[in-house]
C-alpha atoms as a PDB file:
ATOM      1  CA  MET A   1      30.984  -1.777   2.758  1.00  0.00           C
ATOM      2  CA  HIS A   2      30.150   1.335   0.740  1.00  0.00           C
ATOM      3  CA  GLU A   3      31.673   2.272  -2.557  1.00  0.00           C
ATOM      4  CA  THR A   4      32.832   5.848  -2.891  1.00  0.00           C
ATOM      5  CA  ASP A   5      32.958   8.219  -5.803  1.00  0.00           C
ATOM      6  CA  GLU A   6      36.023  10.190  -6.971  1.00  0.00           C
ATOM      7  CA  ARG A   7      35.390  12.862  -4.318  1.00  0.00           C
ATOM      8  CA  GLY A   8      35.296  10.285  -1.526  1.00  0.00           C
ATOM      9  CA  GLY A   9      31.505  10.519  -1.119  1.00  0.00           C
ATOM     10  CA  THR A  10      29.191   7.555  -0.837  1.00  0.00           C
ATOM     11  CA  ASP A  11      27.960   6.203  -4.157  1.00  0.00           C
ATOM     12  CA  VAL A  12      24.193   6.255  -3.590  1.00  0.00           C
ATOM     13  CA  ALA A  13      23.523   4.140  -6.682  1.00  0.00           C
ATOM     14  CA  ALA A  14      25.694   1.344  -5.279  1.00  0.00           C
ATOM     15  CA  LYS A  15      23.424   1.135  -2.214  1.00  0.00           C
ATOM     16  CA  ARG A  16      20.156   0.979  -4.156  1.00  0.00           C
ATOM     17  CA  SER A  17      18.737  -2.024  -5.884  1.00  0.00           C
ATOM     18  CA  LYS A  18      18.631  -1.812  -9.651  1.00  0.00           C
ATOM     19  CA  VAL A  19      15.114  -3.280  -9.572  1.00  0.00           C
ATOM     20  CA  PRO A  20      12.309  -0.689  -9.876  1.00  0.00           C
ATOM     21  CA  ARG A  21      10.058  -0.322  -6.833  1.00  0.00           C
ATOM     22  CA  PHE A  22       6.262  -0.281  -6.727  1.00  0.00           C
ATOM     23  CA  TYR A  23       4.988   1.367  -3.562  1.00  0.00           C
ATOM     24  CA  PHE A  24       1.495   0.300  -2.563  1.00  0.00           C
ATOM     25  CA  ASN A  25      -0.968   1.387   0.088  1.00  0.00           C
ATOM     26  CA  PHE A  26      -4.236  -0.365   0.886  1.00  0.00           C
ATOM     27  CA  ARG A  27      -5.877   2.883   2.029  1.00  0.00           C
ATOM     28  CA  SER A  28      -5.653   4.739  -1.277  1.00  0.00           C
ATOM     29  CA  PRO A  29      -8.128   4.164  -4.093  1.00  0.00           C
ATOM     30  CA  TYR A  30      -5.517   5.586  -6.464  1.00  0.00           C
ATOM     31  CA  CYS A  31      -3.024   2.919  -5.376  1.00  0.00           C
ATOM     32  CA  TRP A  32      -5.684   0.267  -5.987  1.00  0.00           C
ATOM     33  CA  ILE A  33      -6.343   1.663  -9.481  1.00  0.00           C
ATOM     34  CA  ALA A  34      -2.595   1.776 -10.235  1.00  0.00           C
ATOM     35  CA  TYR A  35      -2.310  -1.799  -8.955  1.00  0.00           C
ATOM     36  CA  ARG A  36      -5.157  -2.911 -11.246  1.00  0.00           C
ATOM     37  CA  ASP A  37      -3.556  -1.127 -14.215  1.00  0.00           C
ATOM     38  CA  LEU A  38      -0.220  -2.780 -13.482  1.00  0.00           C
ATOM     39  CA  MET A  39      -1.709  -6.267 -13.058  1.00  0.00           C
ATOM     40  CA  ASP A  40      -4.142  -6.025 -15.985  1.00  0.00           C
ATOM     41  CA  ARG A  41      -1.963  -4.224 -18.525  1.00  0.00           C
ATOM     42  CA  TYR A  42       1.633  -4.932 -17.548  1.00  0.00           C
ATOM     43  CA  PRO A  43       1.833  -8.261 -15.663  1.00  0.00           C
ATOM     44  CA  ASP A  44       5.442  -8.721 -16.784  1.00  0.00           C
ATOM     45  CA  VAL A  45       6.366  -5.456 -15.083  1.00  0.00           C
ATOM     46  CA  ALA A  46       4.384  -6.476 -11.979  1.00  0.00           C
ATOM     47  CA  GLN A  47       6.539  -9.585 -11.703  1.00  0.00           C
ATOM     48  CA  ALA A  48       9.766  -7.634 -12.160  1.00  0.00           C
ATOM     49  CA  VAL A  49       9.314  -4.837  -9.599  1.00  0.00           C
ATOM     50  CA  GLU A  50      10.066  -4.879  -5.884  1.00  0.00           C
ATOM     51  CA  TRP A  51       6.849  -4.394  -3.917  1.00  0.00           C
ATOM     52  CA  HIS A  52       7.036  -1.980  -0.984  1.00  0.00           C
ATOM     53  CA  PRO A  53       4.112  -1.139   1.298  1.00  0.00           C
ATOM     54  CA  TRP A  54       3.785   2.291   2.849  1.00  0.00           C
ATOM     55  CA  TRP A  55       1.193   3.616   5.261  1.00  0.00           C
ATOM     56  CA  GLU A  56       0.466   6.382   7.720  1.00  0.00           C
ATOM     57  CA  PRO A  57       1.642   5.521  11.229  1.00  0.00           C
ATOM     58  CA  ASP A  58      -0.797   5.224  14.113  1.00  0.00           C
ATOM     59  CA  ALA A  59      -0.564   7.495  17.171  1.00  0.00           C
ATOM     60  CA  ASP A  60       2.109   5.325  18.789  1.00  0.00           C
ATOM     61  CA  GLY A  61       4.165   5.332  15.597  1.00  0.00           C
ATOM     62  CA  GLU A  62       3.830   9.118  15.339  1.00  0.00           C
ATOM     63  CA  ARG A  63       4.974   9.469  18.957  1.00  0.00           C
ATOM     64  CA  ARG A  64       8.013   7.240  18.365  1.00  0.00           C
ATOM     65  CA  MET A  65       8.881   9.179  15.206  1.00  0.00           C
ATOM     66  CA  ALA A  66       8.590  12.488  17.079  1.00  0.00           C
ATOM     67  CA  GLU A  67      10.989  11.167  19.735  1.00  0.00           C
ATOM     68  CA  GLN A  68      13.524  10.740  16.927  1.00  0.00           C
ATOM     69  CA  ARG A  69      12.638  14.197  15.548  1.00  0.00           C
ATOM     70  CA  HIS A  70      10.894  12.770  12.498  1.00  0.00           C
ATOM     71  CA  HIS A  71       7.338  13.124  11.300  1.00  0.00           C
ATOM     72  CA  PHE A  72       5.104  11.622   8.668  1.00  0.00           C
ATOM     73  CA  PRO A  73       4.144  14.302   6.109  1.00  0.00           C
ATOM     74  CA  TYR A  74       0.381  13.843   5.982  1.00  0.00           C
ATOM     75  CA  THR A  75      -2.374  16.417   6.153  1.00  0.00           C
ATOM     76  CA  ALA A  76      -6.001  15.486   6.550  1.00  0.00           C
ATOM     77  CA  MET A  77      -7.958  16.400   3.438  1.00  0.00           C
ATOM     78  CA  SER A  78     -10.743  18.921   3.260  1.00  0.00           C
ATOM     79  CA  ARG A  79     -14.353  17.964   2.638  1.00  0.00           C
ATOM     80  CA  GLU A  80     -14.050  19.455  -0.866  1.00  0.00           C
ATOM     81  CA  LYS A  81     -11.022  17.334  -1.688  1.00  0.00           C
ATOM     82  CA  HIS A  82     -12.768  14.246  -0.325  1.00  0.00           C
ATOM     83  CA  LEU A  83     -15.792  14.896  -2.561  1.00  0.00           C
ATOM     84  CA  TYR A  84     -13.503  15.461  -5.540  1.00  0.00           C
ATOM     85  CA  ILE A  85     -11.724  12.143  -4.903  1.00  0.00           C
ATOM     86  CA  LEU A  86     -15.050  10.300  -4.758  1.00  0.00           C
ATOM     87  CA  GLN A  87     -16.003  11.768  -8.134  1.00  0.00           C
ATOM     88  CA  ASP A  88     -12.557  11.234  -9.665  1.00  0.00           C
ATOM     89  CA  VAL A  89     -12.295   7.619  -8.528  1.00  0.00           C
ATOM     90  CA  ARG A  90     -15.783   6.932  -9.886  1.00  0.00           C
ATOM     91  CA  ARG A  91     -14.628   8.303 -13.256  1.00  0.00           C
ATOM     92  CA  LEU A  92     -11.384   6.315 -13.273  1.00  0.00           C
ATOM     93  CA  THR A  93     -13.001   3.039 -12.228  1.00  0.00           C
ATOM     94  CA  THR A  94     -15.823   3.449 -14.753  1.00  0.00           C
ATOM     95  CA  ASP A  95     -13.239   4.016 -17.503  1.00  0.00           C
ATOM     96  CA  ARG A  96     -11.574   0.740 -16.504  1.00  0.00           C
ATOM     97  CA  GLY A  97     -14.729  -1.294 -15.999  1.00  0.00           C
ATOM     98  CA  LEU A  98     -14.020  -1.703 -12.276  1.00  0.00           C
ATOM     99  CA  ALA A  99     -16.787  -1.781  -9.699  1.00  0.00           C
ATOM    100  CA  VAL A 100     -15.886  -0.044  -6.451  1.00  0.00           C
ATOM    101  CA  ASN A 101     -17.635  -0.741  -3.165  1.00  0.00           C
ATOM    102  CA  TRP A 102     -16.505   2.088  -0.893  1.00  0.00           C
ATOM    103  CA  PRO A 103     -15.334   0.865   2.511  1.00  0.00           C
ATOM    104  CA  VAL A 104     -16.197   2.712   5.690  1.00  0.00           C
ATOM    105  CA  ASP A 105     -13.146   3.119   7.893  1.00  0.00           C
ATOM    106  CA  GLN A 106     -13.849   3.286  11.601  1.00  0.00           C
ATOM    107  CA  ASN A 107     -10.805   4.057  13.711  1.00  0.00           C
ATOM    108  CA  PRO A 108      -8.334   2.769  11.108  1.00  0.00           C
ATOM    109  CA  VAL A 109      -4.904   1.574  12.171  1.00  0.00           C
ATOM    110  CA  TRP A 110      -3.000   1.049   8.927  1.00  0.00           C
ATOM    111  CA  GLU A 111      -0.356  -1.196  10.464  1.00  0.00           C
ATOM    112  CA  VAL A 112      -3.065  -3.891  10.767  1.00  0.00           C
ATOM    113  CA  PRO A 113      -3.413  -4.602   7.027  1.00  0.00           C
ATOM    114  CA  HIS A 114       0.117  -3.621   5.962  1.00  0.00           C
ATOM    115  CA  LEU A 115       2.415  -5.403   8.426  1.00  0.00           C
ATOM    116  CA  PRO A 116       1.102  -8.929   7.652  1.00  0.00           C
ATOM    117  CA  TYR A 117       2.278  -8.382   4.083  1.00  0.00           C
ATOM    118  CA  PHE A 118       5.803  -9.162   5.296  1.00  0.00           C
ATOM    119  CA  LEU A 119       4.635 -12.514   6.718  1.00  0.00           C
ATOM    120  CA  ALA A 120       2.854 -13.289   3.452  1.00  0.00           C
ATOM    121  CA  LEU A 121       5.981 -12.328   1.518  1.00  0.00           C
ATOM    122  CA  ASP A 122       8.137 -14.628   3.656  1.00  0.00           C
ATOM    123  CA  ALA A 123       5.634 -17.442   2.982  1.00  0.00           C
ATOM    124  CA  GLY A 124       5.793 -16.829  -0.778  1.00  0.00           C
ATOM    125  CA  LEU A 125       2.288 -15.329  -0.768  1.00  0.00           C
ATOM    126  CA  GLY A 126       3.052 -11.617  -1.086  1.00  0.00           C
ATOM    127  CA  PRO A 127       1.257 -11.111  -4.427  1.00  0.00           C
ATOM    128  CA  ALA A 128      -1.757 -13.169  -3.305  1.00  0.00           C
ATOM    129  CA  TYR A 129      -2.008 -11.144  -0.090  1.00  0.00           C
ATOM    130  CA  ILE A 130      -1.902  -7.834  -1.960  1.00  0.00           C
ATOM    131  CA  GLU A 131      -4.553  -8.971  -4.437  1.00  0.00           C
ATOM    132  CA  ARG A 132      -6.821 -10.312  -1.710  1.00  0.00           C
ATOM    133  CA  LEU A 133      -6.591  -7.202   0.466  1.00  0.00           C
ATOM    134  CA  TYR A 134      -7.264  -4.839  -2.422  1.00  0.00           C
ATOM    135  CA  ARG A 135     -10.271  -6.930  -3.408  1.00  0.00           C
ATOM    136  CA  ALA A 136     -11.539  -7.053   0.184  1.00  0.00           C
ATOM    137  CA  ARG A 137     -11.241  -3.289   0.623  1.00  0.00           C
ATOM    138  CA  TRP A 138     -12.206  -1.827  -2.738  1.00  0.00           C
ATOM    139  CA  GLN A 139     -14.504  -4.429  -4.237  1.00  0.00           C
ATOM    140  CA  GLU A 140     -16.079  -6.003  -1.162  1.00  0.00           C
ATOM    141  CA  GLY A 141     -16.056  -2.854   0.997  1.00  0.00           C
ATOM    142  CA  ARG A 142     -14.609  -4.701   3.999  1.00  0.00           C
ATOM    143  CA  ASP A 143     -12.849  -3.025   6.911  1.00  0.00           C
ATOM    144  CA  ILE A 144      -9.275  -4.229   6.454  1.00  0.00           C
ATOM    145  CA  CYS A 145      -8.160  -2.484   9.647  1.00  0.00           C
ATOM    146  CA  ASP A 146     -10.303  -4.943  11.588  1.00  0.00           C
ATOM    147  CA  ARG A 147      -8.030  -7.660  12.932  1.00  0.00           C
ATOM    148  CA  THR A 148     -10.719 -10.325  12.417  1.00  0.00           C
ATOM    149  CA  THR A 149     -10.897  -9.410   8.712  1.00  0.00           C
ATOM    150  CA  ILE A 150      -7.134  -9.772   8.380  1.00  0.00           C
ATOM    151  CA  ALA A 151      -7.169 -13.057  10.299  1.00  0.00           C
ATOM    152  CA  ALA A 152      -9.900 -14.414   8.005  1.00  0.00           C
ATOM    153  CA  ILE A 153      -8.000 -13.397   4.871  1.00  0.00           C
ATOM    154  CA  ALA A 154      -4.764 -14.839   6.242  1.00  0.00           C
ATOM    155  CA  GLY A 155      -6.638 -18.080   6.895  1.00  0.00           C
ATOM    156  CA  GLU A 156      -7.997 -18.109   3.341  1.00  0.00           C
ATOM    157  CA  LEU A 157      -4.445 -17.812   2.056  1.00  0.00           C
ATOM    158  CA  GLY A 158      -3.110 -20.497   4.361  1.00  0.00           C
ATOM    159  CA  LEU A 159      -1.070 -18.169   6.560  1.00  0.00           C
END
């Protein structure tokens, strides 16, 4: 049931949760840095927000979206932008005292690390899963799109 406003339109605010959302992505070093800032500086906020993963779809996901006349708005970055990001992330992590171990992605499929989050969440291990995957990717340099990596991490967590 939807509430309506005085003009008879749907009240969008009534459909949305009042809890702030934190969108995270295991691919992005900026998301990892924001995650670290949130956990290290504002743990009370980290406990209060709703955690929502987002990721770029694989080829099959893109095809299914196109069938529905949707697309994911992503453009591959230029070499110059990639070099800038490497330099910028080095600056940001140095400022925070974080050591980054750059992963090498080979044929990444971002559903592999992101979808198991929902299983971890259902098991009451959502925060532990997020922490462990960020550490595996950005501090250990592991390929988190490798199913054996995800299986090992899930095993560590008891999933």
